[in-house]
Amino acid sequence: MDRQSSGPQSYIIVLQLLLLGTGLGFLLAFTNVYIGLKTGWHLGVAITACILSFSIWNTLQKAGVVKGPMSILETNCMQSTASAAGYATGNTLATAIPALLILSVTKDNPTGTHLPAWVLGAWVLLLATLGVFLAIPMKRNMINQERLKFPSGVAAAVTLQSLYSKGTEALEKGRALLIAGVFGLAIPLLKDLGLVKITTAAGKVVREGLMPEFSKIFDFLPGLTVGGKAYKMSDFGIKLDHSGVLVAAGAIIGLRVTLSMMLGALILAFWVTPIALASTWTNSAGAV
């Protein structure tokens, strides 16, 4: 039976795609939470899902597990299923939940109190369900009517076209995607694996990565003095991040949006933050 024909075979293929996409999405959900907690910025995993979906299916085909290559629409179906998990976990677990954890920190409980696992599970499930119901009217209004571009969706479409193009251009694009993937995988491993042992002045042994997470190259600029205390640029979070995540994200969303976000960050650092530092704050327990 032809892959494009209707009937039971087509439903089996769709079921295979959904199952593989679900398993891939389960793994990608962890990467999205990692990026969100490290950068404070939620990113979709559509591009990664495109490349992995294409590669996994081709590997299964060569192993004889599945028959025939996937079409570009089938690959898109698989990556849509996988990226849905990334969107569900990124927005929900990398924003409000860490804020609640910070608010629970006290002198007697410096690490804070984590929410129970069943509360986190219900939180993700309900917000993901809400997102599904809101997606249709938002898509009609923002994409069908206003013709706004969805950056990660456009990038995913371009990636799929590159994977399914023919000839020398396809090989060059595939090689570039492979190099970028290896580079993107190597940096977090070098930063977070803790391969280097360092003994502190107090005699405590700690582990650090082979490369630091950031460099304080902007500390030569004049900082701010708040309440009689001098602060450097790095104290306001103005550092050179060594990760390629934000560079790739800036390339996806474009220069105009990137500049607007940078302007907002500068306003937050040099106007809002000094006001916050000069104010007196208390937590829910009444502690200053």
C-alpha atoms as a PDB file:
ATOM      1  CA  MET A   1       0.000   0.000   0.000  1.00  0.00           C
ATOM      2  CA  ASP A   2       1.311   3.462  -0.896  1.00  0.00           C
ATOM      3  CA  ARG A   3       2.251   5.719   2.010  1.00  0.00           C
ATOM      4  CA  GLN A   4       0.091   8.519   0.694  1.00  0.00           C
ATOM      5  CA  SER A   5      -3.034   6.395   0.346  1.00  0.00           C
ATOM      6  CA  SER A   6      -5.821   6.437   2.873  1.00  0.00           C
ATOM      7  CA  GLY A   7      -6.835   3.494   4.985  1.00  0.00           C
ATOM      8  CA  PRO A   8      -5.546   1.609   8.019  1.00  0.00           C
ATOM      9  CA  GLN A   9      -1.921   1.927   6.900  1.00  0.00           C
ATOM     10  CA  SER A  10      -2.072   5.726   7.008  1.00  0.00           C
ATOM     11  CA  TYR A  11      -3.454   5.640  10.561  1.00  0.00           C
ATOM     12  CA  ILE A  12      -0.639   3.301  11.614  1.00  0.00           C
ATOM     13  CA  ILE A  13       1.920   5.726  10.183  1.00  0.00           C
ATOM     14  CA  VAL A  14       0.349   8.661  12.008  1.00  0.00           C
ATOM     15  CA  LEU A  15       0.320   6.645  15.232  1.00  0.00           C
ATOM     16  CA  GLN A  16       4.007   5.834  14.788  1.00  0.00           C
ATOM     17  CA  LEU A  17       4.800   9.500  14.233  1.00  0.00           C
ATOM     18  CA  LEU A  18       2.848  10.550  17.315  1.00  0.00           C
ATOM     19  CA  LEU A  19       4.504   7.917  19.513  1.00  0.00           C
ATOM     20  CA  LEU A  20       7.999   8.804  18.316  1.00  0.00           C
ATOM     21  CA  GLY A  21       7.230  12.505  18.623  1.00  0.00           C
ATOM     22  CA  THR A  22       5.951  11.994  22.164  1.00  0.00           C
ATOM     23  CA  GLY A  23       9.097  10.118  23.211  1.00  0.00           C
ATOM     24  CA  LEU A  24      11.308  12.747  21.592  1.00  0.00           C
ATOM     25  CA  GLY A  25       9.293  15.516  23.221  1.00  0.00           C
ATOM     26  CA  PHE A  26       9.756  13.888  26.629  1.00  0.00           C
ATOM     27  CA  LEU A  27      13.526  14.193  26.239  1.00  0.00           C
ATOM     28  CA  LEU A  28      13.460  17.676  24.708  1.00  0.00           C
ATOM     29  CA  ALA A  29      11.308  18.942  27.579  1.00  0.00           C
ATOM     30  CA  PHE A  30      14.330  18.603  29.873  1.00  0.00           C
ATOM     31  CA  THR A  31      16.534  20.621  27.516  1.00  0.00           C
ATOM     32  CA  ASN A  32      13.978  23.413  27.357  1.00  0.00           C
ATOM     33  CA  VAL A  33      13.734  23.644  31.147  1.00  0.00           C
ATOM     34  CA  TYR A  34      17.545  23.745  31.306  1.00  0.00           C
ATOM     35  CA  ILE A  35      17.704  26.650  28.837  1.00  0.00           C
ATOM     36  CA  GLY A  36      14.910  28.499  30.611  1.00  0.00           C
ATOM     37  CA  LEU A  37      16.556  28.215  34.023  1.00  0.00           C
ATOM     38  CA  LYS A  38      19.983  29.161  32.662  1.00  0.00           C
ATOM     39  CA  THR A  39      18.939  32.139  30.538  1.00  0.00           C
ATOM     40  CA  GLY A  40      15.551  33.176  31.936  1.00  0.00           C
ATOM     41  CA  TRP A  41      14.228  33.091  28.383  1.00  0.00           C
ATOM     42  CA  HIS A  42      11.821  30.479  27.084  1.00  0.00           C
ATOM     43  CA  LEU A  43      12.780  29.008  23.695  1.00  0.00           C
ATOM     44  CA  GLY A  44      10.899  26.462  21.651  1.00  0.00           C
ATOM     45  CA  VAL A  45      12.537  23.238  20.530  1.00  0.00           C
ATOM     46  CA  ALA A  46      11.027  23.119  17.043  1.00  0.00           C
ATOM     47  CA  ILE A  47      14.335  23.279  15.154  1.00  0.00           C
ATOM     48  CA  THR A  48      15.958  20.611  17.307  1.00  0.00           C
ATOM     49  CA  ALA A  49      12.844  18.455  16.933  1.00  0.00           C
ATOM     50  CA  CYS A  50      13.006  18.836  13.130  1.00  0.00           C
ATOM     51  CA  ILE A  51      16.586  17.608  12.899  1.00  0.00           C
ATOM     52  CA  LEU A  52      16.147  14.782  15.412  1.00  0.00           C
ATOM     53  CA  SER A  53      12.851  13.624  13.880  1.00  0.00           C
ATOM     54  CA  PHE A  54      14.441  13.423  10.444  1.00  0.00           C
ATOM     55  CA  SER A  55      17.549  11.654  11.772  1.00  0.00           C
ATOM     56  CA  ILE A  56      15.683   9.167  14.001  1.00  0.00           C
ATOM     57  CA  TRP A  57      13.316   8.069  11.246  1.00  0.00           C
ATOM     58  CA  ASN A  58      16.158   7.618   8.752  1.00  0.00           C
ATOM     59  CA  THR A  59      18.060   5.538  11.318  1.00  0.00           C
ATOM     60  CA  LEU A  60      14.997   3.359  11.965  1.00  0.00           C
ATOM     61  CA  GLN A  61      14.507   2.970   8.213  1.00  0.00           C
ATOM     62  CA  LYS A  62      18.092   1.782   7.708  1.00  0.00           C
ATOM     63  CA  ALA A  63      17.643  -0.650  10.618  1.00  0.00           C
ATOM     64  CA  GLY A  64      14.522  -2.054   8.980  1.00  0.00           C
ATOM     65  CA  VAL A  65      12.201  -1.028  11.812  1.00  0.00           C
ATOM     66  CA  VAL A  66      10.079   1.203   9.557  1.00  0.00           C
ATOM     67  CA  LYS A  67       9.477   1.123   5.827  1.00  0.00           C
ATOM     68  CA  GLY A  68      10.022   4.041   3.493  1.00  0.00           C
ATOM     69  CA  PRO A  69      11.190   7.605   4.183  1.00  0.00           C
ATOM     70  CA  MET A  70       9.004  10.238   5.807  1.00  0.00           C
ATOM     71  CA  SER A  71       7.547  13.003   3.706  1.00  0.00           C
ATOM     72  CA  ILE A  72       8.123  16.605   4.752  1.00  0.00           C
ATOM     73  CA  LEU A  73       4.566  16.800   6.130  1.00  0.00           C
ATOM     74  CA  GLU A  74       5.083  13.643   8.191  1.00  0.00           C
ATOM     75  CA  THR A  75       8.317  15.028   9.610  1.00  0.00           C
ATOM     76  CA  ASN A  76       6.479  18.225  10.461  1.00  0.00           C
ATOM     77  CA  CYS A  77       3.811  16.174  12.255  1.00  0.00           C
ATOM     78  CA  MET A  78       6.463  14.407  14.312  1.00  0.00           C
ATOM     79  CA  GLN A  79       8.326  17.596  15.223  1.00  0.00           C
ATOM     80  CA  SER A  80       5.075  19.374  16.108  1.00  0.00           C
ATOM     81  CA  THR A  81       4.283  16.621  18.595  1.00  0.00           C
ATOM     82  CA  ALA A  82       7.792  16.770  20.054  1.00  0.00           C
ATOM     83  CA  SER A  83       8.005  20.566  20.264  1.00  0.00           C
ATOM     84  CA  ALA A  84       4.623  20.749  22.034  1.00  0.00           C
ATOM     85  CA  ALA A  85       6.258  19.233  25.131  1.00  0.00           C
ATOM     86  CA  GLY A  86       9.007  21.846  24.990  1.00  0.00           C
ATOM     87  CA  TYR A  87       6.534  24.694  24.895  1.00  0.00           C
ATOM     88  CA  ALA A  88       4.511  23.193  27.746  1.00  0.00           C
ATOM     89  CA  THR A  89       7.448  22.860  30.128  1.00  0.00           C
ATOM     90  CA  GLY A  90       9.380  25.974  29.145  1.00  0.00           C
ATOM     91  CA  ASN A  91       6.705  28.541  29.953  1.00  0.00           C
ATOM     92  CA  THR A  92       5.416  26.813  33.062  1.00  0.00           C
ATOM     93  CA  LEU A  93       8.482  25.513  34.890  1.00  0.00           C
ATOM     94  CA  ALA A  94      11.063  28.210  34.125  1.00  0.00           C
ATOM     95  CA  THR A  95       9.079  31.272  35.246  1.00  0.00           C
ATOM     96  CA  ALA A  96       6.514  31.149  38.043  1.00  0.00           C
ATOM     97  CA  ILE A  97       7.816  28.013  39.782  1.00  0.00           C
ATOM     98  CA  PRO A  98      11.380  29.324  40.406  1.00  0.00           C
ATOM     99  CA  ALA A  99       9.876  32.614  41.616  1.00  0.00           C
ATOM    100  CA  LEU A 100       7.735  30.739  44.153  1.00  0.00           C
ATOM    101  CA  LEU A 101      10.823  28.825  45.289  1.00  0.00           C
ATOM    102  CA  ILE A 102      12.763  32.065  45.842  1.00  0.00           C
ATOM    103  CA  LEU A 103       9.887  33.562  47.834  1.00  0.00           C
ATOM    104  CA  SER A 104       9.983  30.581  50.200  1.00  0.00           C
ATOM    105  CA  VAL A 105      13.654  31.154  51.126  1.00  0.00           C
ATOM    106  CA  THR A 106      14.302  32.165  54.741  1.00  0.00           C
ATOM    107  CA  LYS A 107      17.313  32.164  57.056  1.00  0.00           C
ATOM    108  CA  ASP A 108      16.153  28.894  58.584  1.00  0.00           C
ATOM    109  CA  ASN A 109      15.419  27.399  55.144  1.00  0.00           C
ATOM    110  CA  PRO A 110      18.049  28.840  52.758  1.00  0.00           C
ATOM    111  CA  THR A 111      17.255  26.408  49.944  1.00  0.00           C
ATOM    112  CA  GLY A 112      13.536  27.173  49.939  1.00  0.00           C
ATOM    113  CA  THR A 113      10.630  24.756  49.724  1.00  0.00           C
ATOM    114  CA  HIS A 114       9.896  22.956  46.475  1.00  0.00           C
ATOM    115  CA  LEU A 115       6.339  22.316  45.376  1.00  0.00           C
ATOM    116  CA  PRO A 116       5.201  18.664  45.469  1.00  0.00           C
ATOM    117  CA  ALA A 117       5.595  16.702  42.217  1.00  0.00           C
ATOM    118  CA  TRP A 118       1.849  16.204  41.823  1.00  0.00           C
ATOM    119  CA  VAL A 119       1.282  19.963  42.051  1.00  0.00           C
ATOM    120  CA  LEU A 120       3.885  20.583  39.339  1.00  0.00           C
ATOM    121  CA  GLY A 121       2.337  17.877  37.158  1.00  0.00           C
ATOM    122  CA  ALA A 122      -1.158  19.324  37.526  1.00  0.00           C
ATOM    123  CA  TRP A 123       0.201  22.830  36.851  1.00  0.00           C
ATOM    124  CA  VAL A 124       1.844  21.766  33.573  1.00  0.00           C
ATOM    125  CA  LEU A 125      -1.157  19.699  32.454  1.00  0.00           C
ATOM    126  CA  LEU A 126      -3.727  22.431  33.083  1.00  0.00           C
ATOM    127  CA  LEU A 127      -1.663  25.195  31.493  1.00  0.00           C
ATOM    128  CA  ALA A 128      -0.892  23.001  28.490  1.00  0.00           C
ATOM    129  CA  THR A 129      -4.618  22.273  28.107  1.00  0.00           C
ATOM    130  CA  LEU A 130      -5.379  25.989  28.322  1.00  0.00           C
ATOM    131  CA  GLY A 131      -2.775  26.649  25.649  1.00  0.00           C
ATOM    132  CA  VAL A 132      -4.352  24.101  23.302  1.00  0.00           C
ATOM    133  CA  PHE A 133      -7.761  25.751  23.594  1.00  0.00           C
ATOM    134  CA  LEU A 134      -6.317  29.244  23.114  1.00  0.00           C
ATOM    135  CA  ALA A 135      -4.060  28.269  20.207  1.00  0.00           C
ATOM    136  CA  ILE A 136      -6.831  28.106  17.590  1.00  0.00           C
ATOM    137  CA  PRO A 137      -8.345  31.604  18.089  1.00  0.00           C
ATOM    138  CA  MET A 138      -4.880  33.129  18.568  1.00  0.00           C
ATOM    139  CA  LYS A 139      -3.662  31.518  15.342  1.00  0.00           C
ATOM    140  CA  ARG A 140      -6.684  32.790  13.415  1.00  0.00           C
ATOM    141  CA  ASN A 141      -6.214  36.331  14.681  1.00  0.00           C
ATOM    142  CA  MET A 142      -2.425  36.691  14.744  1.00  0.00           C
ATOM    143  CA  ILE A 143      -1.369  34.560  11.764  1.00  0.00           C
ATOM    144  CA  ASN A 144      -4.363  34.223   9.419  1.00  0.00           C
ATOM    145  CA  GLN A 145      -5.629  37.808   9.767  1.00  0.00           C
ATOM    146  CA  GLU A 146      -2.713  39.954  10.913  1.00  0.00           C
ATOM    147  CA  ARG A 147      -0.132  37.869   9.013  1.00  0.00           C
ATOM    148  CA  LEU A 148       2.371  38.009  11.864  1.00  0.00           C
ATOM    149  CA  LYS A 149       5.420  35.786  11.603  1.00  0.00           C
ATOM    150  CA  PHE A 150       5.962  33.020  14.124  1.00  0.00           C
ATOM    151  CA  PRO A 151       9.798  33.035  14.402  1.00  0.00           C
ATOM    152  CA  SER A 152      10.402  29.482  15.599  1.00  0.00           C
ATOM    153  CA  GLY A 153       7.808  28.124  13.162  1.00  0.00           C
ATOM    154  CA  VAL A 154       9.434  29.921  10.233  1.00  0.00           C
ATOM    155  CA  ALA A 155      12.869  28.681  11.318  1.00  0.00           C
ATOM    156  CA  ALA A 156      11.517  25.130  11.591  1.00  0.00           C
ATOM    157  CA  ALA A 157      10.023  25.354   8.089  1.00  0.00           C
ATOM    158  CA  VAL A 158      13.332  26.568   6.646  1.00  0.00           C
ATOM    159  CA  THR A 159      15.133  23.734   8.438  1.00  0.00           C
ATOM    160  CA  LEU A 160      12.732  21.154   6.970  1.00  0.00           C
ATOM    161  CA  GLN A 161      13.185  22.589   3.473  1.00  0.00           C
ATOM    162  CA  SER A 162      16.951  22.322   3.934  1.00  0.00           C
ATOM    163  CA  LEU A 163      16.698  18.702   5.074  1.00  0.00           C
ATOM    164  CA  TYR A 164      14.545  17.733   2.096  1.00  0.00           C
ATOM    165  CA  SER A 165      16.377  19.724  -0.580  1.00  0.00           C
ATOM    166  CA  LYS A 166      18.530  17.889  -3.118  1.00  0.00           C
ATOM    167  CA  GLY A 167      22.059  18.093  -4.423  1.00  0.00           C
ATOM    168  CA  THR A 168      25.166  19.881  -3.172  1.00  0.00           C
ATOM    169  CA  GLU A 169      23.195  22.612  -1.416  1.00  0.00           C
ATOM    170  CA  ALA A 170      21.447  20.018   0.740  1.00  0.00           C
ATOM    171  CA  LEU A 171      24.768  18.463   1.747  1.00  0.00           C
ATOM    172  CA  GLU A 172      26.183  21.851   2.691  1.00  0.00           C
ATOM    173  CA  LYS A 173      23.108  22.731   4.755  1.00  0.00           C
ATOM    174  CA  GLY A 174      23.127  19.336   6.440  1.00  0.00           C
ATOM    175  CA  ARG A 175      26.807  19.692   7.281  1.00  0.00           C
ATOM    176  CA  ALA A 176      26.187  23.166   8.726  1.00  0.00           C
ATOM    177  CA  LEU A 177      23.319  21.834  10.867  1.00  0.00           C
ATOM    178  CA  LEU A 178      25.522  18.993  12.125  1.00  0.00           C
ATOM    179  CA  ILE A 179      28.393  21.334  13.048  1.00  0.00           C
ATOM    180  CA  ALA A 180      25.991  23.707  14.801  1.00  0.00           C
ATOM    181  CA  GLY A 181      24.434  20.798  16.695  1.00  0.00           C
ATOM    182  CA  VAL A 182      27.806  19.487  17.888  1.00  0.00           C
ATOM    183  CA  PHE A 183      28.875  22.996  18.884  1.00  0.00           C
ATOM    184  CA  GLY A 184      25.629  23.598  20.747  1.00  0.00           C
ATOM    185  CA  LEU A 185      25.953  20.271  22.596  1.00  0.00           C
ATOM    186  CA  ALA A 186      29.614  20.761  23.527  1.00  0.00           C
ATOM    187  CA  ILE A 187      29.260  24.121  25.268  1.00  0.00           C
ATOM    188  CA  PRO A 188      26.808  23.017  28.009  1.00  0.00           C
ATOM    189  CA  LEU A 189      28.903  19.900  28.631  1.00  0.00           C
ATOM    190  CA  LEU A 190      32.060  21.969  29.038  1.00  0.00           C
ATOM    191  CA  LYS A 191      30.316  24.423  31.362  1.00  0.00           C
ATOM    192  CA  ASP A 192      28.175  22.176  33.545  1.00  0.00           C
ATOM    193  CA  LEU A 193      29.775  18.725  33.835  1.00  0.00           C
ATOM    194  CA  GLY A 194      32.084  19.799  36.647  1.00  0.00           C
ATOM    195  CA  LEU A 195      35.178  18.058  35.332  1.00  0.00           C
ATOM    196  CA  VAL A 196      37.620  20.277  37.246  1.00  0.00           C
ATOM    197  CA  LYS A 197      38.155  19.917  41.005  1.00  0.00           C
ATOM    198  CA  ILE A 198      38.990  23.117  42.893  1.00  0.00           C
ATOM    199  CA  THR A 199      39.856  23.436  46.571  1.00  0.00           C
ATOM    200  CA  THR A 200      38.561  26.654  48.121  1.00  0.00           C
ATOM    201  CA  ALA A 201      40.309  28.711  50.786  1.00  0.00           C
ATOM    202  CA  ALA A 202      38.084  27.046  53.397  1.00  0.00           C
ATOM    203  CA  GLY A 203      39.368  23.629  52.309  1.00  0.00           C
ATOM    204  CA  LYS A 204      36.141  22.625  50.584  1.00  0.00           C
ATOM    205  CA  VAL A 205      36.417  20.741  47.287  1.00  0.00           C
ATOM    206  CA  VAL A 206      34.060  21.968  44.575  1.00  0.00           C
ATOM    207  CA  ARG A 207      33.671  21.022  40.941  1.00  0.00           C
ATOM    208  CA  GLU A 208      33.621  23.475  38.073  1.00  0.00           C
ATOM    209  CA  GLY A 209      33.353  23.186  34.318  1.00  0.00           C
ATOM    210  CA  LEU A 210      36.209  23.393  31.861  1.00  0.00           C
ATOM    211  CA  MET A 211      34.953  26.824  30.805  1.00  0.00           C
ATOM    212  CA  PRO A 212      33.182  29.525  32.872  1.00  0.00           C
ATOM    213  CA  GLU A 213      29.535  30.353  32.224  1.00  0.00           C
ATOM    214  CA  PHE A 214      30.245  34.041  31.589  1.00  0.00           C
ATOM    215  CA  SER A 215      32.923  36.728  31.556  1.00  0.00           C
ATOM    216  CA  LYS A 216      32.756  40.059  33.400  1.00  0.00           C
ATOM    217  CA  ILE A 217      34.183  42.040  30.486  1.00  0.00           C
ATOM    218  CA  PHE A 218      31.927  45.061  31.057  1.00  0.00           C
ATOM    219  CA  ASP A 219      33.147  45.777  34.589  1.00  0.00           C
ATOM    220  CA  PHE A 220      35.567  48.412  33.244  1.00  0.00           C
ATOM    221  CA  LEU A 221      32.549  50.670  32.650  1.00  0.00           C
ATOM    222  CA  PRO A 222      31.403  52.912  35.519  1.00  0.00           C
ATOM    223  CA  GLY A 223      28.741  51.207  37.614  1.00  0.00           C
ATOM    224  CA  LEU A 224      26.171  52.637  40.003  1.00  0.00           C
ATOM    225  CA  THR A 225      26.259  53.619  43.661  1.00  0.00           C
ATOM    226  CA  VAL A 226      23.092  52.808  45.592  1.00  0.00           C
ATOM    227  CA  GLY A 227      22.775  53.453  49.311  1.00  0.00           C
ATOM    228  CA  GLY A 228      26.470  54.278  49.569  1.00  0.00           C
ATOM    229  CA  LYS A 229      27.507  50.937  48.041  1.00  0.00           C
ATOM    230  CA  ALA A 230      29.207  50.702  44.642  1.00  0.00           C
ATOM    231  CA  TYR A 231      28.008  48.095  42.173  1.00  0.00           C
ATOM    232  CA  LYS A 232      29.787  46.828  39.063  1.00  0.00           C
ATOM    233  CA  MET A 233      28.142  46.031  35.742  1.00  0.00           C
ATOM    234  CA  SER A 234      28.257  42.317  36.500  1.00  0.00           C
ATOM    235  CA  ASP A 235      26.241  42.935  39.667  1.00  0.00           C
ATOM    236  CA  PHE A 236      23.357  43.983  37.406  1.00  0.00           C
ATOM    237  CA  GLY A 237      23.660  40.888  35.236  1.00  0.00           C
ATOM    238  CA  ILE A 238      25.492  42.666  32.410  1.00  0.00           C
ATOM    239  CA  LYS A 239      27.967  39.960  31.433  1.00  0.00           C
ATOM    240  CA  LEU A 240      29.179  38.143  28.328  1.00  0.00           C
ATOM    241  CA  ASP A 241      27.412  34.791  28.312  1.00  0.00           C
ATOM    242  CA  HIS A 242      29.534  32.014  26.817  1.00  0.00           C
ATOM    243  CA  SER A 243      26.551  29.998  25.648  1.00  0.00           C
ATOM    244  CA  GLY A 244      25.509  30.061  21.996  1.00  0.00           C
ATOM    245  CA  VAL A 245      21.822  29.788  22.915  1.00  0.00           C
ATOM    246  CA  LEU A 246      21.097  33.501  23.053  1.00  0.00           C
ATOM    247  CA  VAL A 247      23.109  34.171  19.885  1.00  0.00           C
ATOM    248  CA  ALA A 248      21.017  31.617  17.991  1.00  0.00           C
ATOM    249  CA  ALA A 249      17.811  32.982  19.523  1.00  0.00           C
ATOM    250  CA  GLY A 250      18.715  36.496  18.443  1.00  0.00           C
ATOM    251  CA  ALA A 251      19.289  35.268  14.895  1.00  0.00           C
ATOM    252  CA  ILE A 252      15.828  33.673  14.883  1.00  0.00           C
ATOM    253  CA  ILE A 253      13.809  36.596  16.241  1.00  0.00           C
ATOM    254  CA  GLY A 254      15.636  39.300  14.295  1.00  0.00           C
ATOM    255  CA  LEU A 255      17.558  42.489  15.037  1.00  0.00           C
ATOM    256  CA  ARG A 256      14.570  44.742  15.802  1.00  0.00           C
ATOM    257  CA  VAL A 257      13.139  42.516  18.536  1.00  0.00           C
ATOM    258  CA  THR A 258      16.617  41.855  19.919  1.00  0.00           C
ATOM    259  CA  LEU A 259      17.355  45.574  20.223  1.00  0.00           C
ATOM    260  CA  SER A 260      14.017  46.218  21.937  1.00  0.00           C
ATOM    261  CA  MET A 261      14.748  43.461  24.457  1.00  0.00           C
ATOM    262  CA  MET A 262      18.210  44.900  25.063  1.00  0.00           C
ATOM    263  CA  LEU A 263      16.701  48.340  25.681  1.00  0.00           C
ATOM    264  CA  GLY A 264      14.249  46.843  28.167  1.00  0.00           C
ATOM    265  CA  ALA A 265      17.104  45.036  29.944  1.00  0.00           C
ATOM    266  CA  LEU A 266      19.096  48.262  30.272  1.00  0.00           C
ATOM    267  CA  ILE A 267      16.066  50.103  31.687  1.00  0.00           C
ATOM    268  CA  LEU A 268      15.532  47.282  34.163  1.00  0.00           C
ATOM    269  CA  ALA A 269      19.200  47.241  35.196  1.00  0.00           C
ATOM    270  CA  PHE A 270      19.856  50.961  35.552  1.00  0.00           C
ATOM    271  CA  TRP A 271      16.457  52.323  36.578  1.00  0.00           C
ATOM    272  CA  VAL A 272      14.301  49.624  38.177  1.00  0.00           C
ATOM    273  CA  THR A 273      17.085  47.728  39.971  1.00  0.00           C
ATOM    274  CA  PRO A 274      18.487  50.744  41.890  1.00  0.00           C
ATOM    275  CA  ILE A 275      14.954  51.524  43.106  1.00  0.00           C
ATOM    276  CA  ALA A 276      14.589  47.909  44.271  1.00  0.00           C
ATOM    277  CA  LEU A 277      17.960  47.950  46.031  1.00  0.00           C
ATOM    278  CA  ALA A 278      17.096  51.135  47.886  1.00  0.00           C
ATOM    279  CA  SER A 279      13.772  49.712  49.079  1.00  0.00           C
ATOM    280  CA  THR A 280      13.033  47.435  52.037  1.00  0.00           C
ATOM    281  CA  TRP A 281      11.577  44.042  51.132  1.00  0.00           C
ATOM    282  CA  THR A 282       9.928  41.398  53.272  1.00  0.00           C
ATOM    283  CA  ASN A 283       8.901  37.843  52.459  1.00  0.00           C
ATOM    284  CA  SER A 284       5.677  36.050  53.383  1.00  0.00           C
ATOM    285  CA  ALA A 285       7.064  35.269  56.832  1.00  0.00           C
ATOM    286  CA  GLY A 286       7.647  38.952  57.530  1.00  0.00           C
ATOM    287  CA  ALA A 287      11.451  38.642  57.462  1.00  0.00           C
ATOM    288  CA  VAL A 288      13.410  41.505  55.906  1.00  0.00           C
END
